[in-house]
Structure formats: C-alpha cells, structure tokens
PDB file of all heavy atoms in Angstrom:
ATOM      1  N   ARG A   1     -77.235 158.740  84.936  1.00  0.00           N
ATOM      2  CA  ARG A   1     -78.246 159.407  84.095  1.00  0.00           C
ATOM      3  C   ARG A   1     -79.509 158.584  84.004  1.00  0.00           C
ATOM      4  O   ARG A   1     -80.651 159.104  83.994  1.00  0.00           O
ATOM      5  CB  ARG A   1     -77.700 159.677  82.718  1.00  0.00           C
ATOM      6  CG  ARG A   1     -76.815 160.924  82.674  1.00  0.00           C
ATOM      7  CD  ARG A   1     -76.451 161.313  81.255  1.00  0.00           C
ATOM      8  NE  ARG A   1     -75.624 160.335  80.578  1.00  0.00           N
ATOM      9  CZ  ARG A   1     -74.290 160.278  80.717  1.00  0.00           C
ATOM     10  NH1 ARG A   1     -73.668 161.119  81.480  1.00  0.00           N
ATOM     11  NH2 ARG A   1     -73.578 159.363  80.043  1.00  0.00           N
ATOM     12  N   GLU A   2     -79.381 157.235  83.982  1.00  0.00           N
ATOM     13  CA  GLU A   2     -80.539 156.379  83.882  1.00  0.00           C
ATOM     14  C   GLU A   2     -81.483 156.541  85.100  1.00  0.00           C
ATOM     15  O   GLU A   2     -82.733 156.447  85.007  1.00  0.00           O
ATOM     16  CB  GLU A   2     -80.132 154.940  83.749  1.00  0.00           C
ATOM     17  CG  GLU A   2     -79.599 154.586  82.370  1.00  0.00           C
ATOM     18  CD  GLU A   2     -79.089 153.149  82.322  1.00  0.00           C
ATOM     19  OE1 GLU A   2     -79.534 152.301  83.127  1.00  0.00           O
ATOM     20  OE2 GLU A   2     -78.276 152.862  81.407  1.00  0.00           O
ATOM     21  N   ILE A   3     -80.882 156.782  86.255  1.00  0.00           N
ATOM     22  CA  ILE A   3     -81.698 156.893  87.486  1.00  0.00           C
ATOM     23  C   ILE A   3     -81.854 158.356  87.940  1.00  0.00           C
ATOM     24  O   ILE A   3     -82.343 158.620  89.010  1.00  0.00           O
ATOM     25  CB  ILE A   3     -81.101 156.064  88.606  1.00  0.00           C
ATOM     26  CG1 ILE A   3     -79.690 156.516  88.994  1.00  0.00           C
ATOM     27  CG2 ILE A   3     -81.165 154.571  88.275  1.00  0.00           C
ATOM     28  CD1 ILE A   3     -79.145 155.848  90.226  1.00  0.00           C
ATOM     29  N   ASN A   4     -81.367 159.300  87.122  1.00  0.00           N
ATOM     30  CA  ASN A   4     -81.475 160.741  87.395  1.00  0.00           C
ATOM     31  C   ASN A   4     -80.778 161.147  88.670  1.00  0.00           C
ATOM     32  O   ASN A   4     -81.239 161.973  89.457  1.00  0.00           O
ATOM     33  CB  ASN A   4     -82.928 161.210  87.425  1.00  0.00           C
ATOM     34  CG  ASN A   4     -83.541 161.129  86.053  1.00  0.00           C
ATOM     35  OD1 ASN A   4     -82.890 161.355  85.038  1.00  0.00           O
ATOM     36  ND2 ASN A   4     -84.833 160.753  86.024  1.00  0.00           N
ATOM     37  N   ALA A   5     -79.593 160.569  88.970  1.00  0.00           N
ATOM     38  CA  ALA A   5     -78.851 160.853  90.182  1.00  0.00           C
ATOM     39  C   ALA A   5     -78.452 162.336  90.271  1.00  0.00           C
ATOM     40  O   ALA A   5     -78.533 162.910  91.362  1.00  0.00           O
ATOM     41  CB  ALA A   5     -77.608 159.964  90.207  1.00  0.00           C
ATOM     42  N   GLY A   6     -78.063 162.938  89.147  1.00  0.00           N
ATOM     43  CA  GLY A   6     -77.728 164.380  89.181  1.00  0.00           C
ATOM     44  C   GLY A   6     -78.907 165.211  89.526  1.00  0.00           C
ATOM     45  O   GLY A   6     -78.744 166.218  90.204  1.00  0.00           O
ATOM     46  N   TYR A   7     -80.081 164.834  89.075  1.00  0.00           N
ATOM     47  CA  TYR A   7     -81.273 165.632  89.378  1.00  0.00           C
ATOM     48  C   TYR A   7     -81.532 165.599  90.888  1.00  0.00           C
ATOM     49  O   TYR A   7     -81.818 166.586  91.513  1.00  0.00           O
ATOM     50  CB  TYR A   7     -82.502 165.047  88.690  1.00  0.00           C
ATOM     51  CG  TYR A   7     -82.557 165.251  87.200  1.00  0.00           C
ATOM     52  CD1 TYR A   7     -81.472 165.761  86.470  1.00  0.00           C
ATOM     53  CD2 TYR A   7     -83.683 164.915  86.496  1.00  0.00           C
ATOM     54  CE1 TYR A   7     -81.540 165.971  85.101  1.00  0.00           C
ATOM     55  CE2 TYR A   7     -83.774 165.072  85.099  1.00  0.00           C
ATOM     56  CZ  TYR A   7     -82.670 165.621  84.443  1.00  0.00           C
ATOM     57  OH  TYR A   7     -82.743 165.818  83.092  1.00  0.00           O
ATOM     58  N   LEU A   8     -81.445 164.418  91.485  1.00  0.00           N
ATOM     59  CA  LEU A   8     -81.649 164.262  92.922  1.00  0.00           C
ATOM     60  C   LEU A   8     -80.651 165.091  93.735  1.00  0.00           C
ATOM     61  O   LEU A   8     -81.038 165.823  94.627  1.00  0.00           O
ATOM     62  CB  LEU A   8     -81.595 162.787  93.332  1.00  0.00           C
ATOM     63  CG  LEU A   8     -81.736 162.555  94.860  1.00  0.00           C
ATOM     64  CD1 LEU A   8     -83.092 163.031  95.339  1.00  0.00           C
ATOM     65  CD2 LEU A   8     -81.532 161.072  95.172  1.00  0.00           C
ATOM     66  N   LEU A   9     -79.411 164.996  93.346  1.00  0.00           N
ATOM     67  CA  LEU A   9     -78.375 165.741  94.043  1.00  0.00           C
ATOM     68  C   LEU A   9     -78.646 167.273  93.953  1.00  0.00           C
ATOM     69  O   LEU A   9     -78.587 167.981  94.964  1.00  0.00           O
ATOM     70  CB  LEU A   9     -76.990 165.460  93.456  1.00  0.00           C
ATOM     71  CG  LEU A   9     -75.823 166.208  94.051  1.00  0.00           C
ATOM     72  CD1 LEU A   9     -75.676 165.854  95.511  1.00  0.00           C
ATOM     73  CD2 LEU A   9     -74.559 165.845  93.310  1.00  0.00           C
ATOM     74  N   HIS A  10     -78.985 167.732  92.744  1.00  0.00           N
ATOM     75  CA  HIS A  10     -79.235 169.151  92.598  1.00  0.00           C
ATOM     76  C   HIS A  10     -80.532 169.556  93.357  1.00  0.00           C
ATOM     77  O   HIS A  10     -80.532 170.612  93.974  1.00  0.00           O
ATOM     78  CB  HIS A  10     -79.411 169.454  91.099  1.00  0.00           C
ATOM     79  CG  HIS A  10     -79.015 170.865  90.749  1.00  0.00           C
ATOM     80  ND1 HIS A  10     -77.912 171.128  90.005  1.00  0.00           N
ATOM     81  CD2 HIS A  10     -79.536 172.042  91.111  1.00  0.00           C
ATOM     82  CE1 HIS A  10     -77.749 172.442  89.899  1.00  0.00           C
ATOM     83  NE2 HIS A  10     -78.739 173.023  90.549  1.00  0.00           N
ATOM     84  N   TRP A  11     -81.508 168.765  93.320  1.00  0.00           N
ATOM     85  CA  TRP A  11     -82.752 169.112  94.032  1.00  0.00           C
ATOM     86  C   TRP A  11     -82.478 169.175  95.536  1.00  0.00           C
ATOM     87  O   TRP A  11     -82.989 170.085  96.215  1.00  0.00           O
ATOM     88  CB  TRP A  11     -83.831 168.070  93.728  1.00  0.00           C
ATOM     89  CG  TRP A  11     -85.160 168.407  94.262  1.00  0.00           C
ATOM     90  CD1 TRP A  11     -85.805 167.933  95.349  1.00  0.00           C
ATOM     91  CD2 TRP A  11     -86.012 169.472  93.776  1.00  0.00           C
ATOM     92  NE1 TRP A  11     -86.964 168.552  95.558  1.00  0.00           N
ATOM     93  CE2 TRP A  11     -87.128 169.511  94.620  1.00  0.00           C
ATOM     94  CE3 TRP A  11     -85.921 170.366  92.707  1.00  0.00           C
ATOM     95  CZ2 TRP A  11     -88.194 170.432  94.432  1.00  0.00           C
ATOM     96  CZ3 TRP A  11     -86.974 171.269  92.499  1.00  0.00           C
ATOM     97  CH2 TRP A  11     -88.074 171.290  93.352  1.00  0.00           C
ATOM     98  N   GLU A  12     -81.727 168.247  96.078  1.00  0.00           N
ATOM     99  CA  GLU A  12     -81.370 168.272  97.499  1.00  0.00           C
ATOM    100  C   GLU A  12     -80.589 169.546  97.854  1.00  0.00           C
ATOM    101  O   GLU A  12     -80.793 170.132  98.892  1.00  0.00           O
ATOM    102  CB  GLU A  12     -80.608 167.044  97.864  1.00  0.00           C
ATOM    103  CG  GLU A  12     -81.423 165.765  97.893  1.00  0.00           C
ATOM    104  CD  GLU A  12     -82.541 165.780  98.915  1.00  0.00           C
ATOM    105  OE1 GLU A  12     -82.353 166.353 100.053  1.00  0.00           O
ATOM    106  OE2 GLU A  12     -83.650 165.232  98.643  1.00  0.00           O
ATOM    107  N   ALA A  13     -79.694 169.962  96.955  1.00  0.00           N
ATOM    108  CA  ALA A  13     -78.955 171.195  97.199  1.00  0.00           C
ATOM    109  C   ALA A  13     -79.878 172.420  97.222  1.00  0.00           C
ATOM    110  O   ALA A  13     -79.723 173.319  98.059  1.00  0.00           O
ATOM    111  CB  ALA A  13     -77.896 171.374  96.112  1.00  0.00           C
ATOM    112  N   MET A  14     -80.871 172.413  96.347  1.00  0.00           N
ATOM    113  CA  MET A  14     -81.845 173.522  96.321  1.00  0.00           C
ATOM    114  C   MET A  14     -82.658 173.529  97.599  1.00  0.00           C
ATOM    115  O   MET A  14     -82.889 174.583  98.195  1.00  0.00           O
ATOM    116  CB  MET A  14     -82.753 173.381  95.085  1.00  0.00           C
ATOM    117  CG  MET A  14     -82.010 173.672  93.821  1.00  0.00           C
ATOM    118  SD  MET A  14     -82.864 173.197  92.291  1.00  0.00           S
ATOM    119  CE  MET A  14     -84.516 173.619  92.513  1.00  0.00           C
ATOM    120  N   LEU A  15     -83.098 172.344  98.086  1.00  0.00           N
ATOM    121  CA  LEU A  15     -83.837 172.276  99.343  1.00  0.00           C
ATOM    122  C   LEU A  15     -83.004 172.730 100.490  1.00  0.00           C
ATOM    123  O   LEU A  15     -83.455 173.468 101.404  1.00  0.00           O
ATOM    124  CB  LEU A  15     -84.375 170.842  99.575  1.00  0.00           C
ATOM    125  CG  LEU A  15     -85.420 170.368  98.545  1.00  0.00           C
ATOM    126  CD1 LEU A  15     -85.741 168.926  98.865  1.00  0.00           C
ATOM    127  CD2 LEU A  15     -86.668 171.214  98.645  1.00  0.00           C
ATOM    128  N   TYR A  16     -81.738 172.339 100.524  1.00  0.00           N
ATOM    129  CA  TYR A  16     -80.797 172.730 101.570  1.00  0.00           C
ATOM    130  C   TYR A  16     -80.652 174.256 101.617  1.00  0.00           C
ATOM    131  O   TYR A  16     -80.696 174.846 102.683  1.00  0.00           O
ATOM    132  CB  TYR A  16     -79.452 172.050 101.271  1.00  0.00           C
ATOM    133  CG  TYR A  16     -78.378 172.331 102.278  1.00  0.00           C
ATOM    134  CD1 TYR A  16     -78.275 171.582 103.448  1.00  0.00           C
ATOM    135  CD2 TYR A  16     -77.445 173.336 102.059  1.00  0.00           C
ATOM    136  CE1 TYR A  16     -77.270 171.820 104.381  1.00  0.00           C
ATOM    137  CE2 TYR A  16     -76.455 173.574 102.997  1.00  0.00           C
ATOM    138  CZ  TYR A  16     -76.360 172.814 104.133  1.00  0.00           C
ATOM    139  OH  TYR A  16     -75.372 173.088 105.076  1.00  0.00           O
ATOM    140  N   ALA A  17     -80.503 174.832 100.463  1.00  0.00           N
ATOM    141  CA  ALA A  17     -80.403 176.296 100.376  1.00  0.00           C
ATOM    142  C   ALA A  17     -81.682 177.000 100.895  1.00  0.00           C
ATOM    143  O   ALA A  17     -81.611 177.972 101.644  1.00  0.00           O
ATOM    144  CB  ALA A  17     -80.095 176.757  98.960  1.00  0.00           C
ATOM    145  N   ARG A  18     -82.804 176.481 100.522  1.00  0.00           N
ATOM    146  CA  ARG A  18     -84.074 177.116 100.940  1.00  0.00           C
ATOM    147  C   ARG A  18     -84.252 176.967 102.458  1.00  0.00           C
ATOM    148  O   ARG A  18     -84.689 177.905 103.083  1.00  0.00           O
ATOM    149  CB  ARG A  18     -85.268 176.434 100.238  1.00  0.00           C
ATOM    150  CG  ARG A  18     -86.552 177.099 100.636  1.00  0.00           C
ATOM    151  CD  ARG A  18     -87.721 176.787  99.764  1.00  0.00           C
ATOM    152  NE  ARG A  18     -87.992 175.374  99.692  1.00  0.00           N
ATOM    153  CZ  ARG A  18     -89.133 174.866  99.205  1.00  0.00           C
ATOM    154  NH1 ARG A  18     -90.030 175.678  98.739  1.00  0.00           N
ATOM    155  NH2 ARG A  18     -89.351 173.618  99.138  1.00  0.00           N
ATOM    156  N   GLN A  19     -83.875 175.824 103.007  1.00  0.00           N
ATOM    157  CA  GLN A  19     -83.989 175.633 104.474  1.00  0.00           C
ATOM    158  C   GLN A  19     -83.103 176.662 105.247  1.00  0.00           C
ATOM    159  O   GLN A  19     -83.359 176.975 106.385  1.00  0.00           O
ATOM    160  CB  GLN A  19     -83.585 174.239 104.867  1.00  0.00           C
ATOM    161  CG  GLN A  19     -84.583 173.183 104.424  1.00  0.00           C
ATOM    162  CD  GLN A  19     -84.034 171.800 104.583  1.00  0.00           C
ATOM    163  OE1 GLN A  19     -82.890 171.562 104.884  1.00  0.00           O
ATOM    164  NE2 GLN A  19     -84.903 170.807 104.342  1.00  0.00           N
ATOM    165  N   ARG A  20     -82.076 177.156 104.590  1.00  0.00           N
ATOM    166  CA  ARG A  20     -81.179 178.090 105.220  1.00  0.00           C
ATOM    167  C   ARG A  20     -81.492 179.553 104.859  1.00  0.00           C
ATOM    168  O   ARG A  20     -80.701 180.418 105.114  1.00  0.00           O
ATOM    169  CB  ARG A  20     -79.747 177.752 104.906  1.00  0.00           C
ATOM    170  CG  ARG A  20     -79.275 176.657 105.846  1.00  0.00           C
ATOM    171  CD  ARG A  20     -78.356 175.658 105.194  1.00  0.00           C
ATOM    172  NE  ARG A  20     -78.154 174.517 106.068  1.00  0.00           N
ATOM    173  CZ  ARG A  20     -78.997 173.495 106.208  1.00  0.00           C
ATOM    174  NH1 ARG A  20     -80.085 173.432 105.523  1.00  0.00           N
ATOM    175  NH2 ARG A  20     -78.726 172.503 107.048  1.00  0.00           N
ATOM    176  N   GLY A  21     -82.663 179.769 104.271  1.00  0.00           N
ATOM    177  CA  GLY A  21     -83.132 181.115 104.082  1.00  0.00           C
ATOM    178  C   GLY A  21     -82.765 181.759 102.757  1.00  0.00           C
ATOM    179  O   GLY A  21     -83.059 182.938 102.542  1.00  0.00           O
ATOM    180  N   PHE A  22     -82.217 181.006 101.838  1.00  0.00           N
ATOM    181  CA  PHE A  22     -81.904 181.581 100.497  1.00  0.00           C
ATOM    182  C   PHE A  22     -83.199 181.801  99.787  1.00  0.00           C
ATOM    183  O   PHE A  22     -84.070 180.966  99.773  1.00  0.00           O
ATOM    184  CB  PHE A  22     -81.014 180.621  99.705  1.00  0.00           C
ATOM    185  CG  PHE A  22     -79.575 180.603 100.153  1.00  0.00           C
ATOM    186  CD1 PHE A  22     -79.222 179.887 101.293  1.00  0.00           C
ATOM    187  CD2 PHE A  22     -78.591 181.256  99.457  1.00  0.00           C
ATOM    188  CE1 PHE A  22     -77.905 179.863 101.731  1.00  0.00           C
ATOM    189  CE2 PHE A  22     -77.304 181.221  99.879  1.00  0.00           C
ATOM    190  CZ  PHE A  22     -76.936 180.541 101.033  1.00  0.00           C
ATOM    191  N   ARG A  23     -83.298 182.963  99.155  1.00  0.00           N
ATOM    192  CA  ARG A  23     -84.528 183.305  98.431  1.00  0.00           C
ATOM    193  C   ARG A  23     -84.422 183.059  96.927  1.00  0.00           C
ATOM    194  O   ARG A  23     -85.430 182.962  96.227  1.00  0.00           O
ATOM    195  CB  ARG A  23     -84.876 184.781  98.685  1.00  0.00           C
ATOM    196  CG  ARG A  23     -85.256 185.005 100.165  1.00  0.00           C
ATOM    197  CD  ARG A  23     -85.536 186.434 100.496  1.00  0.00           C
ATOM    198  NE  ARG A  23     -86.483 186.997  99.550  1.00  0.00           N
ATOM    199  CZ  ARG A  23     -86.557 188.298  99.319  1.00  0.00           C
ATOM    200  NH1 ARG A  23     -85.755 189.146  99.924  1.00  0.00           N
ATOM    201  NH2 ARG A  23     -87.433 188.794  98.443  1.00  0.00           N
ATOM    202  N   TRP A  24     -83.211 182.999  96.414  1.00  0.00           N
ATOM    203  CA  TRP A  24     -83.009 182.742  94.974  1.00  0.00           C
ATOM    204  C   TRP A  24     -82.002 181.644  94.802  1.00  0.00           C
ATOM    205  O   TRP A  24     -81.066 181.496  95.603  1.00  0.00           O
ATOM    206  CB  TRP A  24     -82.475 184.006  94.295  1.00  0.00           C
ATOM    207  CG  TRP A  24     -83.442 185.145  94.315  1.00  0.00           C
ATOM    208  CD1 TRP A  24     -84.467 185.333  93.459  1.00  0.00           C
ATOM    209  CD2 TRP A  24     -83.415 186.242  95.185  1.00  0.00           C
ATOM    210  NE1 TRP A  24     -85.137 186.471  93.792  1.00  0.00           N
ATOM    211  CE2 TRP A  24     -84.510 187.057  94.859  1.00  0.00           C
ATOM    212  CE3 TRP A  24     -82.606 186.605  96.283  1.00  0.00           C
ATOM    213  CZ2 TRP A  24     -84.810 188.222  95.555  1.00  0.00           C
ATOM    214  CZ3 TRP A  24     -82.919 187.753  96.939  1.00  0.00           C
ATOM    215  CH2 TRP A  24     -83.968 188.532  96.605  1.00  0.00           C
ATOM    216  N   TYR A  25     -82.140 180.936  93.744  1.00  0.00           N
ATOM    217  CA  TYR A  25     -81.183 179.859  93.391  1.00  0.00           C
ATOM    218  C   TYR A  25     -80.987 179.962  91.859  1.00  0.00           C
ATOM    219  O   TYR A  25     -81.913 179.698  91.087  1.00  0.00           O
ATOM    220  CB  TYR A  25     -81.778 178.493  93.768  1.00  0.00           C
ATOM    221  CG  TYR A  25     -80.742 177.377  93.706  1.00  0.00           C
ATOM    222  CD1 TYR A  25     -79.912 177.099  94.776  1.00  0.00           C
ATOM    223  CD2 TYR A  25     -80.638 176.628  92.570  1.00  0.00           C
ATOM    224  CE1 TYR A  25     -78.976 176.106  94.719  1.00  0.00           C
ATOM    225  CE2 TYR A  25     -79.731 175.547  92.498  1.00  0.00           C
ATOM    226  CZ  TYR A  25     -78.922 175.303  93.569  1.00  0.00           C
ATOM    227  OH  TYR A  25     -77.984 174.311  93.502  1.00  0.00           O
ATOM    228  N   ASP A  26     -79.801 180.291  91.459  1.00  0.00           N
ATOM    229  CA  ASP A  26     -79.502 180.510  90.065  1.00  0.00           C
ATOM    230  C   ASP A  26     -79.063 179.218  89.402  1.00  0.00           C
ATOM    231  O   ASP A  26     -77.993 178.679  89.699  1.00  0.00           O
ATOM    232  CB  ASP A  26     -78.416 181.567  89.907  1.00  0.00           C
ATOM    233  CG  ASP A  26     -78.155 181.973  88.474  1.00  0.00           C
ATOM    234  OD1 ASP A  26     -78.713 181.341  87.559  1.00  0.00           O
ATOM    235  OD2 ASP A  26     -77.380 182.906  88.320  1.00  0.00           O
ATOM    236  N   LEU A  27     -79.876 178.710  88.479  1.00  0.00           N
ATOM    237  CA  LEU A  27     -79.523 177.455  87.778  1.00  0.00           C
ATOM    238  C   LEU A  27     -78.702 177.731  86.532  1.00  0.00           C
ATOM    239  O   LEU A  27     -78.401 176.828  85.762  1.00  0.00           O
ATOM    240  CB  LEU A  27     -80.799 176.694  87.386  1.00  0.00           C
ATOM    241  CG  LEU A  27     -81.536 176.055  88.554  1.00  0.00           C
ATOM    242  CD1 LEU A  27     -82.881 175.517  88.101  1.00  0.00           C
ATOM    243  CD2 LEU A  27     -80.679 174.907  89.131  1.00  0.00           C
ATOM    244  N   ALA A  28     -78.352 178.995  86.279  1.00  0.00           N
ATOM    245  CA  ALA A  28     -77.556 179.419  85.146  1.00  0.00           C
ATOM    246  C   ALA A  28     -78.341 179.168  83.883  1.00  0.00           C
ATOM    247  O   ALA A  28     -79.539 178.888  83.868  1.00  0.00           O
ATOM    248  CB  ALA A  28     -76.223 178.728  85.126  1.00  0.00           C
ATOM    249  N   GLY A  29     -77.651 179.285  82.762  1.00  0.00           N
ATOM    250  CA  GLY A  29     -78.298 179.226  81.481  1.00  0.00           C
ATOM    251  C   GLY A  29     -78.673 177.789  81.055  1.00  0.00           C
ATOM    252  O   GLY A  29     -78.378 176.841  81.710  1.00  0.00           O
ATOM    253  N   PHE A  30     -79.364 177.741  79.899  1.00  0.00           N
ATOM    254  CA  PHE A  30     -79.720 176.446  79.362  1.00  0.00           C
ATOM    255  C   PHE A  30     -79.735 176.500  77.837  1.00  0.00           C
ATOM    256  O   PHE A  30     -79.884 177.563  77.245  1.00  0.00           O
ATOM    257  CB  PHE A  30     -81.081 175.957  79.898  1.00  0.00           C
ATOM    258  CG  PHE A  30     -82.211 176.850  79.567  1.00  0.00           C
ATOM    259  CD1 PHE A  30     -82.899 176.719  78.324  1.00  0.00           C
ATOM    260  CD2 PHE A  30     -82.645 177.788  80.479  1.00  0.00           C
ATOM    261  CE1 PHE A  30     -83.936 177.570  78.065  1.00  0.00           C
ATOM    262  CE2 PHE A  30     -83.694 178.627  80.146  1.00  0.00           C
ATOM    263  CZ  PHE A  30     -84.369 178.507  78.931  1.00  0.00           C
ATOM    264  N   ASP A  31     -79.565 175.406  77.239  1.00  0.00           N
ATOM    265  CA  ASP A  31     -79.630 175.254  75.785  1.00  0.00           C
ATOM    266  C   ASP A  31     -80.549 174.093  75.481  1.00  0.00           C
ATOM    267  O   ASP A  31     -80.202 172.907  75.689  1.00  0.00           O
ATOM    268  CB  ASP A  31     -78.230 175.022  75.245  1.00  0.00           C
ATOM    269  CG  ASP A  31     -78.185 175.017  73.726  1.00  0.00           C
ATOM    270  OD1 ASP A  31     -79.166 174.616  73.077  1.00  0.00           O
ATOM    271  OD2 ASP A  31     -77.116 175.372  73.184  1.00  0.00           O
ATOM    272  N   ARG A  32     -81.737 174.403  74.992  1.00  0.00           N
ATOM    273  CA  ARG A  32     -82.740 173.379  74.745  1.00  0.00           C
ATOM    274  C   ARG A  32     -82.258 172.341  73.719  1.00  0.00           C
ATOM    275  O   ARG A  32     -82.648 171.159  73.806  1.00  0.00           O
ATOM    276  CB  ARG A  32     -84.008 174.021  74.156  1.00  0.00           C
ATOM    277  CG  ARG A  32     -84.679 174.904  75.111  1.00  0.00           C
ATOM    278  CD  ARG A  32     -85.910 175.561  74.489  1.00  0.00           C
ATOM    279  NE  ARG A  32     -86.283 176.684  75.273  1.00  0.00           N
ATOM    280  CZ  ARG A  32     -87.528 177.141  75.322  1.00  0.00           C
ATOM    281  NH1 ARG A  32     -88.458 176.585  74.613  1.00  0.00           N
ATOM    282  NH2 ARG A  32     -87.843 178.188  76.071  1.00  0.00           N
ATOM    283  N   VAL A  33     -81.430 172.763  72.751  1.00  0.00           N
ATOM    284  CA  VAL A  33     -81.014 171.864  71.695  1.00  0.00           C
ATOM    285  C   VAL A  33     -79.825 171.012  72.140  1.00  0.00           C
ATOM    286  O   VAL A  33     -79.821 169.777  72.045  1.00  0.00           O
ATOM    287  CB  VAL A  33     -80.693 172.638  70.435  1.00  0.00           C
ATOM    288  CG1 VAL A  33     -80.171 171.730  69.345  1.00  0.00           C
ATOM    289  CG2 VAL A  33     -81.927 173.392  69.973  1.00  0.00           C
ATOM    290  N   ALA A  34     -78.752 171.660  72.623  1.00  0.00           N
ATOM    291  CA  ALA A  34     -77.524 170.951  72.981  1.00  0.00           C
ATOM    292  C   ALA A  34     -77.663 170.121  74.233  1.00  0.00           C
ATOM    293  O   ALA A  34     -77.021 169.085  74.355  1.00  0.00           O
ATOM    294  CB  ALA A  34     -76.379 171.984  73.122  1.00  0.00           C
ATOM    295  N   TYR A  35     -78.454 170.594  75.200  1.00  0.00           N
ATOM    296  CA  TYR A  35     -78.593 169.884  76.488  1.00  0.00           C
ATOM    297  C   TYR A  35     -80.075 169.770  76.880  1.00  0.00           C
ATOM    298  O   TYR A  35     -80.524 170.388  77.820  1.00  0.00           O
ATOM    299  CB  TYR A  35     -77.844 170.636  77.565  1.00  0.00           C
ATOM    300  CG  TYR A  35     -76.372 170.864  77.255  1.00  0.00           C
ATOM    301  CD1 TYR A  35     -75.908 172.074  76.818  1.00  0.00           C
ATOM    302  CD2 TYR A  35     -75.485 169.788  77.323  1.00  0.00           C
ATOM    303  CE1 TYR A  35     -74.599 172.272  76.486  1.00  0.00           C
ATOM    304  CE2 TYR A  35     -74.169 169.948  76.990  1.00  0.00           C
ATOM    305  CZ  TYR A  35     -73.719 171.185  76.570  1.00  0.00           C
ATOM    306  OH  TYR A  35     -72.392 171.365  76.242  1.00  0.00           O
ATOM    307  N   PRO A  36     -80.798 168.955  76.156  1.00  0.00           N
ATOM    308  CA  PRO A  36     -82.246 168.848  76.441  1.00  0.00           C
ATOM    309  C   PRO A  36     -82.556 168.343  77.816  1.00  0.00           C
ATOM    310  O   PRO A  36     -83.541 168.734  78.423  1.00  0.00           O
ATOM    311  CB  PRO A  36     -82.742 167.907  75.357  1.00  0.00           C
ATOM    312  CG  PRO A  36     -81.563 167.146  74.865  1.00  0.00           C
ATOM    313  CD  PRO A  36     -80.414 168.059  75.093  1.00  0.00           C
ATOM    314  N   GLY A  37     -81.724 167.465  78.378  1.00  0.00           N
ATOM    315  CA  GLY A  37     -81.993 166.971  79.718  1.00  0.00           C
ATOM    316  C   GLY A  37     -81.840 168.051  80.776  1.00  0.00           C
ATOM    317  O   GLY A  37     -82.645 168.170  81.717  1.00  0.00           O
ATOM    318  N   GLY A  38     -80.847 168.902  80.602  1.00  0.00           N
ATOM    319  CA  GLY A  38     -80.656 170.026  81.541  1.00  0.00           C
ATOM    320  C   GLY A  38     -81.797 171.005  81.428  1.00  0.00           C
ATOM    321  O   GLY A  38     -82.313 171.536  82.456  1.00  0.00           O
ATOM    322  N   TYR A  39     -82.212 171.278  80.195  1.00  0.00           N
ATOM    323  CA  TYR A  39     -83.357 172.177  80.016  1.00  0.00           C
ATOM    324  C   TYR A  39     -84.608 171.578  80.631  1.00  0.00           C
ATOM    325  O   TYR A  39     -85.366 172.284  81.368  1.00  0.00           O
ATOM    326  CB  TYR A  39     -83.622 172.400  78.527  1.00  0.00           C
ATOM    327  CG  TYR A  39     -84.943 173.078  78.308  1.00  0.00           C
ATOM    328  CD1 TYR A  39     -85.137 174.433  78.606  1.00  0.00           C
ATOM    329  CD2 TYR A  39     -86.037 172.364  77.818  1.00  0.00           C
ATOM    330  CE1 TYR A  39     -86.339 175.033  78.423  1.00  0.00           C
ATOM    331  CE2 TYR A  39     -87.268 172.985  77.646  1.00  0.00           C
ATOM    332  CZ  TYR A  39     -87.441 174.284  77.966  1.00  0.00           C
ATOM    333  OH  TYR A  39     -88.651 174.893  77.796  1.00  0.00           O
TER     334      TYR A  39
END
C-alpha cells in the first residue's frame, strides 16, 4: 500500500485489456467512506 503496488497491477491489467480491443473495463462499485483509497 505504501508504494501503491495494487494500483500499478490494476493499471497494467487495464492497459492489457485495452491493447486487446476491450472497450469497457468495469471497476465495480466504490464506497467513498469505507474505502477512500479505492475510491
């Protein structure tokens, strides 16, 4: 979490999907209060 490793992994997955022609990427829901980092 200190180095945002999960962010990098997720971002790379999104780029991978886009390179393969995906037009949408569903990040699912969010909760601004309970999970501010995810939001």
